[in-house]
Amino acid sequence: MSGFAARVIGIIVLEMPVALVSGGNRGIGLEVCRQLGRLGYTVLLGARDPDKGEEAAGALRGKGLDVTALRLDITSEGDIARLGELARVDTLVNNAAIAPDRAHPDTSALHVPTELVRLGFEVNTLGPYRICQQIVPIMQRQGYGRIVNVSTGMAQLAEMNGHSPGYRLSKTALNALTRILADELRGTNILANSVDPGWVKTDMGGPSAPLSTEEGAETIVWLATLPDGGPTGGFFKKKKQISW
């Protein structure tokens, strides 16, 4: 058994539901970890920076929650490959993301360099895609799974506006991944949905955002804990389905 697998072997003994949350060391991801922990989940808190991940996990453990930090850079093939060693994952929340267009002074689609758009796809689309390729087989073996892809209203084709092509296009593609997974996994008790958490006060959302992290995490946690027979292949906001 590898050292990575050994660190989470207690999951098998405890028989507690297990949630993996990428980008779990701050913002919405941290709040999702907190709320799932309070619901009795063993939480695997994925973080690109191991020190920041352990600091966040330690703070949650200080509140009596069962949280383990995992190094998870979603652009790292090695980090993602190690996820396949996990014995059990009941819930996957693909939360880690970037807003690549902010690195350019003009966010018009006519001016954002293609390398920033490519970076958006690498992190916001291909990262979750690779993670799902490791985690879904685990869910298939156990006959249960909940996948939540954290998207954005900026990805809605029905209300698509200009600017920020790196963010918008990568998140629209993430929504397409949700639909693909939901179709391929239909009838397996593995539910896959996308969520728009709204405009939330985070490092990405900024201090002017109207929603707290608690409010932003609410629908994510709802989808992460859906009962058998719950919806799949949908896009949700405030626990209601919205148009793609």
C-alpha atoms as a PDB file:
ATOM      1  CA  MET A   1       0.000   0.000   0.000  1.00  0.00           C
ATOM      2  CA  SER A   2       1.371   3.417  -0.919  1.00  0.00           C
ATOM      3  CA  GLY A   3       1.850   6.145   1.642  1.00  0.00           C
ATOM      4  CA  PHE A   4      -0.946   8.092  -0.017  1.00  0.00           C
ATOM      5  CA  ALA A   5      -3.439   5.245   0.351  1.00  0.00           C
ATOM      6  CA  ALA A   6      -2.285   4.530   3.895  1.00  0.00           C
ATOM      7  CA  ARG A   7      -3.145   8.057   4.996  1.00  0.00           C
ATOM      8  CA  VAL A   8      -6.807   7.436   4.193  1.00  0.00           C
ATOM      9  CA  ILE A   9      -7.090   3.756   5.180  1.00  0.00           C
ATOM     10  CA  GLY A  10      -9.170   4.761   8.213  1.00  0.00           C
ATOM     11  CA  ILE A  11     -12.003   5.554   5.827  1.00  0.00           C
ATOM     12  CA  ILE A  12     -12.537   1.841   5.225  1.00  0.00           C
ATOM     13  CA  VAL A  13     -12.746   1.114   8.942  1.00  0.00           C
ATOM     14  CA  LEU A  14     -14.990   4.009   9.843  1.00  0.00           C
ATOM     15  CA  GLU A  15     -17.477   3.322   7.047  1.00  0.00           C
ATOM     16  CA  MET A  16     -18.327   6.995   6.917  1.00  0.00           C
ATOM     17  CA  PRO A  17     -19.324   8.616   3.625  1.00  0.00           C
ATOM     18  CA  VAL A  18     -16.315  10.184   1.956  1.00  0.00           C
ATOM     19  CA  ALA A  19     -16.220  13.480   0.069  1.00  0.00           C
ATOM     20  CA  LEU A  20     -13.356  14.780  -2.061  1.00  0.00           C
ATOM     21  CA  VAL A  21     -13.331  18.555  -2.601  1.00  0.00           C
ATOM     22  CA  SER A  22     -10.802  20.199  -4.901  1.00  0.00           C
ATOM     23  CA  GLY A  23      -9.719  23.716  -4.037  1.00  0.00           C
ATOM     24  CA  GLY A  24     -10.872  23.044  -0.500  1.00  0.00           C
ATOM     25  CA  ASN A  25      -8.473  25.247   1.434  1.00  0.00           C
ATOM     26  CA  ARG A  26     -10.329  28.549   0.990  1.00  0.00           C
ATOM     27  CA  GLY A  27     -13.503  30.266  -0.148  1.00  0.00           C
ATOM     28  CA  ILE A  28     -16.460  28.205  -1.268  1.00  0.00           C
ATOM     29  CA  GLY A  29     -14.425  24.994  -1.238  1.00  0.00           C
ATOM     30  CA  LEU A  30     -13.505  25.412   2.409  1.00  0.00           C
ATOM     31  CA  GLU A  31     -17.118  26.089   3.324  1.00  0.00           C
ATOM     32  CA  VAL A  32     -18.237  22.999   1.399  1.00  0.00           C
ATOM     33  CA  CYS A  33     -15.718  20.962   3.405  1.00  0.00           C
ATOM     34  CA  ARG A  34     -17.070  22.452   6.611  1.00  0.00           C
ATOM     35  CA  GLN A  35     -20.708  21.779   5.785  1.00  0.00           C
ATOM     36  CA  LEU A  36     -20.078  18.227   4.585  1.00  0.00           C
ATOM     37  CA  GLY A  37     -18.001  17.548   7.682  1.00  0.00           C
ATOM     38  CA  ARG A  38     -20.883  18.702   9.850  1.00  0.00           C
ATOM     39  CA  LEU A  39     -23.126  16.238   8.016  1.00  0.00           C
ATOM     40  CA  GLY A  40     -20.866  13.383   9.094  1.00  0.00           C
ATOM     41  CA  TYR A  41     -18.673  13.015   6.017  1.00  0.00           C
ATOM     42  CA  THR A  42     -15.022  12.158   6.084  1.00  0.00           C
ATOM     43  CA  VAL A  43     -13.669  15.003   3.957  1.00  0.00           C
ATOM     44  CA  LEU A  44     -10.604  14.863   1.741  1.00  0.00           C
ATOM     45  CA  LEU A  45      -9.611  18.498   1.344  1.00  0.00           C
ATOM     46  CA  GLY A  46      -7.711  18.906  -1.910  1.00  0.00           C
ATOM     47  CA  ALA A  47      -5.292  21.814  -2.121  1.00  0.00           C
ATOM     48  CA  ARG A  48      -2.526  22.754  -4.549  1.00  0.00           C
ATOM     49  CA  ASP A  49      -0.345  24.049  -1.686  1.00  0.00           C
ATOM     50  CA  PRO A  50       0.132  21.260   0.900  1.00  0.00           C
ATOM     51  CA  ASP A  51       0.873  23.703   3.731  1.00  0.00           C
ATOM     52  CA  LYS A  52      -2.257  25.745   3.095  1.00  0.00           C
ATOM     53  CA  GLY A  53      -4.268  22.562   2.762  1.00  0.00           C
ATOM     54  CA  GLU A  54      -3.040  21.223   6.091  1.00  0.00           C
ATOM     55  CA  GLU A  55      -3.673  24.565   7.780  1.00  0.00           C
ATOM     56  CA  ALA A  56      -7.279  24.575   6.555  1.00  0.00           C
ATOM     57  CA  ALA A  57      -7.836  20.915   7.426  1.00  0.00           C
ATOM     58  CA  GLY A  58      -6.339  21.430  10.872  1.00  0.00           C
ATOM     59  CA  ALA A  59      -8.703  24.304  11.572  1.00  0.00           C
ATOM     60  CA  LEU A  60     -11.684  22.122  10.647  1.00  0.00           C
ATOM     61  CA  ARG A  61     -10.377  19.228  12.730  1.00  0.00           C
ATOM     62  CA  GLY A  62     -10.186  21.700  15.603  1.00  0.00           C
ATOM     63  CA  LYS A  63     -13.949  22.016  15.265  1.00  0.00           C
ATOM     64  CA  GLY A  64     -14.356  18.267  15.622  1.00  0.00           C
ATOM     65  CA  LEU A  65     -14.664  17.465  11.901  1.00  0.00           C
ATOM     66  CA  ASP A  66     -12.993  14.527  10.155  1.00  0.00           C
ATOM     67  CA  VAL A  67     -10.890  16.258   7.504  1.00  0.00           C
ATOM     68  CA  THR A  68      -7.685  15.129   5.793  1.00  0.00           C
ATOM     69  CA  ALA A  69      -5.661  17.404   3.518  1.00  0.00           C
ATOM     70  CA  LEU A  70      -4.505  16.004   0.181  1.00  0.00           C
ATOM     71  CA  ARG A  71      -2.046  17.623  -2.193  1.00  0.00           C
ATOM     72  CA  LEU A  72      -4.119  18.122  -5.328  1.00  0.00           C
ATOM     73  CA  ASP A  73      -2.881  20.384  -8.080  1.00  0.00           C
ATOM     74  CA  ILE A  74      -5.524  19.730 -10.723  1.00  0.00           C
ATOM     75  CA  THR A  75      -3.004  20.369 -13.496  1.00  0.00           C
ATOM     76  CA  SER A  76      -0.661  17.687 -12.098  1.00  0.00           C
ATOM     77  CA  GLU A  77      -0.962  14.266 -13.715  1.00  0.00           C
ATOM     78  CA  GLY A  78       0.810  12.728 -10.713  1.00  0.00           C
ATOM     79  CA  ASP A  79      -1.494  14.255  -8.108  1.00  0.00           C
ATOM     80  CA  ILE A  80      -4.556  13.166 -10.053  1.00  0.00           C
ATOM     81  CA  ALA A  81      -3.253   9.659 -10.753  1.00  0.00           C
ATOM     82  CA  ARG A  82      -2.840   9.065  -7.005  1.00  0.00           C
ATOM     83  CA  LEU A  83      -6.559   9.647  -6.529  1.00  0.00           C
ATOM     84  CA  GLY A  84      -7.151   6.275  -8.146  1.00  0.00           C
ATOM     85  CA  GLU A  85      -5.626   4.658  -5.042  1.00  0.00           C
ATOM     86  CA  LEU A  86      -8.469   5.861  -2.826  1.00  0.00           C
ATOM     87  CA  ALA A  87     -10.601   3.044  -1.455  1.00  0.00           C
ATOM     88  CA  ARG A  88     -13.824   5.004  -1.336  1.00  0.00           C
ATOM     89  CA  VAL A  89     -15.279   8.274  -2.592  1.00  0.00           C
ATOM     90  CA  ASP A  90     -19.002   8.903  -2.277  1.00  0.00           C
ATOM     91  CA  THR A  91     -19.005  12.552  -3.318  1.00  0.00           C
ATOM     92  CA  LEU A  92     -16.741  14.531  -5.641  1.00  0.00           C
ATOM     93  CA  VAL A  93     -16.943  18.323  -5.723  1.00  0.00           C
ATOM     94  CA  ASN A  94     -14.902  19.787  -8.577  1.00  0.00           C
ATOM     95  CA  ASN A  95     -14.487  23.248  -7.123  1.00  0.00           C
ATOM     96  CA  ALA A  96     -10.925  24.383  -7.936  1.00  0.00           C
ATOM     97  CA  ALA A  97     -10.870  26.955 -10.729  1.00  0.00           C
ATOM     98  CA  ILE A  98      -9.192  30.073 -12.045  1.00  0.00           C
ATOM     99  CA  ALA A  99     -10.289  33.242 -13.862  1.00  0.00           C
ATOM    100  CA  PRO A 100      -7.451  33.411 -16.425  1.00  0.00           C
ATOM    101  CA  ASP A 101      -8.694  36.492 -18.265  1.00  0.00           C
ATOM    102  CA  ARG A 102      -7.835  38.685 -15.304  1.00  0.00           C
ATOM    103  CA  ALA A 103      -4.183  38.376 -16.223  1.00  0.00           C
ATOM    104  CA  HIS A 104      -4.865  40.576 -19.264  1.00  0.00           C
ATOM    105  CA  PRO A 105      -5.811  44.273 -19.090  1.00  0.00           C
ATOM    106  CA  ASP A 106      -8.546  43.885 -21.717  1.00  0.00           C
ATOM    107  CA  THR A 107     -10.912  40.954 -21.177  1.00  0.00           C
ATOM    108  CA  SER A 108     -12.587  41.268 -24.590  1.00  0.00           C
ATOM    109  CA  ALA A 109     -12.652  38.038 -26.589  1.00  0.00           C
ATOM    110  CA  LEU A 110     -10.949  40.037 -29.322  1.00  0.00           C
ATOM    111  CA  HIS A 111      -7.909  40.675 -27.157  1.00  0.00           C
ATOM    112  CA  VAL A 112      -7.463  37.917 -24.548  1.00  0.00           C
ATOM    113  CA  PRO A 113      -4.487  35.820 -25.736  1.00  0.00           C
ATOM    114  CA  THR A 114      -5.211  32.254 -26.701  1.00  0.00           C
ATOM    115  CA  GLU A 115      -2.695  30.991 -24.143  1.00  0.00           C
ATOM    116  CA  LEU A 116      -4.905  32.359 -21.349  1.00  0.00           C
ATOM    117  CA  VAL A 117      -7.951  30.688 -22.861  1.00  0.00           C
ATOM    118  CA  ARG A 118      -5.957  27.456 -23.104  1.00  0.00           C
ATOM    119  CA  LEU A 119      -4.977  27.791 -19.438  1.00  0.00           C
ATOM    120  CA  GLY A 120      -8.643  28.191 -18.528  1.00  0.00           C
ATOM    121  CA  PHE A 121      -9.467  24.916 -20.246  1.00  0.00           C
ATOM    122  CA  GLU A 122      -6.496  23.163 -18.631  1.00  0.00           C
ATOM    123  CA  VAL A 123      -7.611  24.073 -15.104  1.00  0.00           C
ATOM    124  CA  ASN A 124     -11.380  24.514 -15.284  1.00  0.00           C
ATOM    125  CA  THR A 125     -12.266  21.742 -17.728  1.00  0.00           C
ATOM    126  CA  LEU A 126      -9.479  19.210 -18.133  1.00  0.00           C
ATOM    127  CA  GLY A 127      -8.652  19.170 -14.414  1.00  0.00           C
ATOM    128  CA  PRO A 128     -12.167  18.003 -13.444  1.00  0.00           C
ATOM    129  CA  TYR A 129     -12.210  15.686 -16.462  1.00  0.00           C
ATOM    130  CA  ARG A 130      -9.033  13.928 -15.341  1.00  0.00           C
ATOM    131  CA  ILE A 131     -10.253  13.722 -11.751  1.00  0.00           C
ATOM    132  CA  CYS A 132     -13.511  12.131 -12.876  1.00  0.00           C
ATOM    133  CA  GLN A 133     -11.568   9.518 -14.840  1.00  0.00           C
ATOM    134  CA  GLN A 134      -9.920   8.453 -11.570  1.00  0.00           C
ATOM    135  CA  ILE A 135     -12.886   8.785  -9.214  1.00  0.00           C
ATOM    136  CA  VAL A 136     -15.817   7.481 -11.273  1.00  0.00           C
ATOM    137  CA  PRO A 137     -14.439   3.895 -11.406  1.00  0.00           C
ATOM    138  CA  ILE A 138     -14.307   3.960  -7.596  1.00  0.00           C
ATOM    139  CA  MET A 139     -17.930   5.084  -7.503  1.00  0.00           C
ATOM    140  CA  GLN A 140     -18.907   2.418 -10.027  1.00  0.00           C
ATOM    141  CA  ARG A 141     -17.393  -0.313  -7.855  1.00  0.00           C
ATOM    142  CA  GLN A 142     -19.406   0.830  -4.847  1.00  0.00           C
ATOM    143  CA  GLY A 143     -22.624   1.484  -6.817  1.00  0.00           C
ATOM    144  CA  TYR A 144     -22.987   5.042  -5.541  1.00  0.00           C
ATOM    145  CA  GLY A 145     -21.665   8.486  -6.314  1.00  0.00           C
ATOM    146  CA  ARG A 146     -22.459  12.179  -6.457  1.00  0.00           C
ATOM    147  CA  ILE A 147     -20.471  14.485  -8.753  1.00  0.00           C
ATOM    148  CA  VAL A 148     -20.871  18.242  -8.468  1.00  0.00           C
ATOM    149  CA  ASN A 149     -19.131  20.475 -10.994  1.00  0.00           C
ATOM    150  CA  VAL A 150     -18.938  24.041  -9.730  1.00  0.00           C
ATOM    151  CA  SER A 151     -19.731  26.228 -12.713  1.00  0.00           C
ATOM    152  CA  THR A 152     -21.002  29.796 -13.108  1.00  0.00           C
ATOM    153  CA  GLY A 153     -23.865  31.792 -14.559  1.00  0.00           C
ATOM    154  CA  MET A 154     -21.266  33.254 -16.914  1.00  0.00           C
ATOM    155  CA  ALA A 155     -21.277  29.864 -18.672  1.00  0.00           C
ATOM    156  CA  GLN A 156     -24.975  29.907 -19.520  1.00  0.00           C
ATOM    157  CA  LEU A 157     -25.445  29.896 -23.290  1.00  0.00           C
ATOM    158  CA  ALA A 158     -28.982  31.188 -22.824  1.00  0.00           C
ATOM    159  CA  GLU A 159     -27.641  34.408 -21.317  1.00  0.00           C
ATOM    160  CA  MET A 160     -24.094  34.530 -22.681  1.00  0.00           C
ATOM    161  CA  ASN A 161     -22.479  37.963 -22.719  1.00  0.00           C
ATOM    162  CA  GLY A 162     -19.100  39.224 -23.863  1.00  0.00           C
ATOM    163  CA  HIS A 163     -15.676  39.348 -22.206  1.00  0.00           C
ATOM    164  CA  SER A 164     -13.766  36.768 -20.144  1.00  0.00           C
ATOM    165  CA  PRO A 165     -13.613  34.078 -22.852  1.00  0.00           C
ATOM    166  CA  GLY A 166     -11.094  31.953 -20.941  1.00  0.00           C
ATOM    167  CA  TYR A 167     -13.422  31.657 -17.978  1.00  0.00           C
ATOM    168  CA  ARG A 168     -16.705  31.463 -19.873  1.00  0.00           C
ATOM    169  CA  LEU A 169     -15.643  28.913 -22.476  1.00  0.00           C
ATOM    170  CA  SER A 170     -13.930  26.604 -19.979  1.00  0.00           C
ATOM    171  CA  LYS A 171     -16.940  26.597 -17.677  1.00  0.00           C
ATOM    172  CA  THR A 172     -19.362  26.046 -20.565  1.00  0.00           C
ATOM    173  CA  ALA A 173     -17.231  23.042 -21.493  1.00  0.00           C
ATOM    174  CA  LEU A 174     -17.399  21.884 -17.870  1.00  0.00           C
ATOM    175  CA  ASN A 175     -21.192  21.975 -18.142  1.00  0.00           C
ATOM    176  CA  ALA A 176     -20.938  19.832 -21.272  1.00  0.00           C
ATOM    177  CA  LEU A 177     -18.822  17.362 -19.296  1.00  0.00           C
ATOM    178  CA  THR A 178     -21.602  17.200 -16.710  1.00  0.00           C
ATOM    179  CA  ARG A 179     -24.105  16.260 -19.412  1.00  0.00           C
ATOM    180  CA  ILE A 180     -21.779  13.639 -20.892  1.00  0.00           C
ATOM    181  CA  LEU A 181     -21.133  12.008 -17.522  1.00  0.00           C
ATOM    182  CA  ALA A 182     -24.795  12.058 -16.535  1.00  0.00           C
ATOM    183  CA  ASP A 183     -25.744  10.271 -19.747  1.00  0.00           C
ATOM    184  CA  GLU A 184     -22.989   7.659 -19.534  1.00  0.00           C
ATOM    185  CA  LEU A 185     -23.717   6.971 -15.852  1.00  0.00           C
ATOM    186  CA  ARG A 186     -27.502   6.963 -16.013  1.00  0.00           C
ATOM    187  CA  GLY A 187     -28.962   4.060 -14.059  1.00  0.00           C
ATOM    188  CA  THR A 188     -25.815   3.490 -11.968  1.00  0.00           C
ATOM    189  CA  ASN A 189     -26.832   5.604  -8.947  1.00  0.00           C
ATOM    190  CA  ILE A 190     -24.023   8.042  -9.794  1.00  0.00           C
ATOM    191  CA  LEU A 191     -25.526  11.494 -10.237  1.00  0.00           C
ATOM    192  CA  ALA A 192     -23.660  14.316 -11.980  1.00  0.00           C
ATOM    193  CA  ASN A 193     -24.798  17.936 -11.887  1.00  0.00           C
ATOM    194  CA  SER A 194     -23.455  21.455 -12.405  1.00  0.00           C
ATOM    195  CA  VAL A 195     -24.079  24.341 -10.051  1.00  0.00           C
ATOM    196  CA  ASP A 196     -23.947  28.116 -10.226  1.00  0.00           C
ATOM    197  CA  PRO A 197     -23.167  29.168  -6.633  1.00  0.00           C
ATOM    198  CA  GLY A 198     -23.861  32.804  -7.456  1.00  0.00           C
ATOM    199  CA  TRP A 199     -21.641  35.823  -6.902  1.00  0.00           C
ATOM    200  CA  VAL A 200     -19.870  35.001  -3.648  1.00  0.00           C
ATOM    201  CA  LYS A 201     -17.440  36.921  -1.446  1.00  0.00           C
ATOM    202  CA  THR A 202     -14.228  35.019  -2.221  1.00  0.00           C
ATOM    203  CA  ASP A 203     -10.806  35.870  -3.604  1.00  0.00           C
ATOM    204  CA  MET A 204     -12.295  35.390  -7.077  1.00  0.00           C
ATOM    205  CA  GLY A 205     -15.665  37.007  -6.392  1.00  0.00           C
ATOM    206  CA  GLY A 206     -14.281  39.998  -4.535  1.00  0.00           C
ATOM    207  CA  PRO A 207     -15.583  41.928  -1.523  1.00  0.00           C
ATOM    208  CA  SER A 208     -18.502  43.505  -3.430  1.00  0.00           C
ATOM    209  CA  ALA A 209     -20.215  40.153  -3.992  1.00  0.00           C
ATOM    210  CA  PRO A 210     -23.624  39.923  -2.299  1.00  0.00           C
ATOM    211  CA  LEU A 211     -23.430  36.312  -1.103  1.00  0.00           C
ATOM    212  CA  SER A 212     -21.500  34.764   1.770  1.00  0.00           C
ATOM    213  CA  THR A 213     -19.516  31.563   1.333  1.00  0.00           C
ATOM    214  CA  GLU A 214     -22.165  29.810   3.431  1.00  0.00           C
ATOM    215  CA  GLU A 215     -24.831  30.834   0.921  1.00  0.00           C
ATOM    216  CA  GLY A 216     -22.618  29.916  -2.036  1.00  0.00           C
ATOM    217  CA  ALA A 217     -21.963  26.445  -0.660  1.00  0.00           C
ATOM    218  CA  GLU A 218     -25.576  25.618   0.148  1.00  0.00           C
ATOM    219  CA  THR A 219     -26.674  24.295  -3.259  1.00  0.00           C
ATOM    220  CA  ILE A 220     -23.340  22.551  -3.803  1.00  0.00           C
ATOM    221  CA  VAL A 221     -23.812  20.579  -0.590  1.00  0.00           C
ATOM    222  CA  TRP A 222     -27.439  19.869  -1.492  1.00  0.00           C
ATOM    223  CA  LEU A 223     -26.338  18.322  -4.804  1.00  0.00           C
ATOM    224  CA  ALA A 224     -23.460  16.515  -3.110  1.00  0.00           C
ATOM    225  CA  THR A 225     -25.896  14.733  -0.798  1.00  0.00           C
ATOM    226  CA  LEU A 226     -28.817  14.024  -3.143  1.00  0.00           C
ATOM    227  CA  PRO A 227     -30.904  10.958  -2.299  1.00  0.00           C
ATOM    228  CA  ASP A 228     -31.125   7.993  -4.639  1.00  0.00           C
ATOM    229  CA  GLY A 229     -33.294   8.860  -7.608  1.00  0.00           C
ATOM    230  CA  GLY A 230     -32.321  12.526  -7.434  1.00  0.00           C
ATOM    231  CA  PRO A 231     -31.757  14.680 -10.512  1.00  0.00           C
ATOM    232  CA  THR A 232     -28.798  14.164 -12.794  1.00  0.00           C
ATOM    233  CA  GLY A 233     -27.491  16.053 -15.796  1.00  0.00           C
ATOM    234  CA  GLY A 234     -28.869  19.393 -14.584  1.00  0.00           C
ATOM    235  CA  PHE A 235     -27.635  22.917 -13.935  1.00  0.00           C
ATOM    236  CA  PHE A 236     -28.777  24.327 -10.596  1.00  0.00           C
ATOM    237  CA  LYS A 237     -28.847  27.603  -8.692  1.00  0.00           C
ATOM    238  CA  LYS A 238     -30.468  28.099  -5.295  1.00  0.00           C
ATOM    239  CA  LYS A 239     -31.608  24.447  -5.481  1.00  0.00           C
ATOM    240  CA  LYS A 240     -33.597  25.111  -8.645  1.00  0.00           C
ATOM    241  CA  GLN A 241     -32.766  23.964 -12.152  1.00  0.00           C
ATOM    242  CA  ILE A 242     -31.710  26.695 -14.560  1.00  0.00           C
ATOM    243  CA  SER A 243     -31.207  26.791 -18.321  1.00  0.00           C
ATOM    244  CA  TRP A 244     -27.895  25.881 -19.885  1.00  0.00           C
END
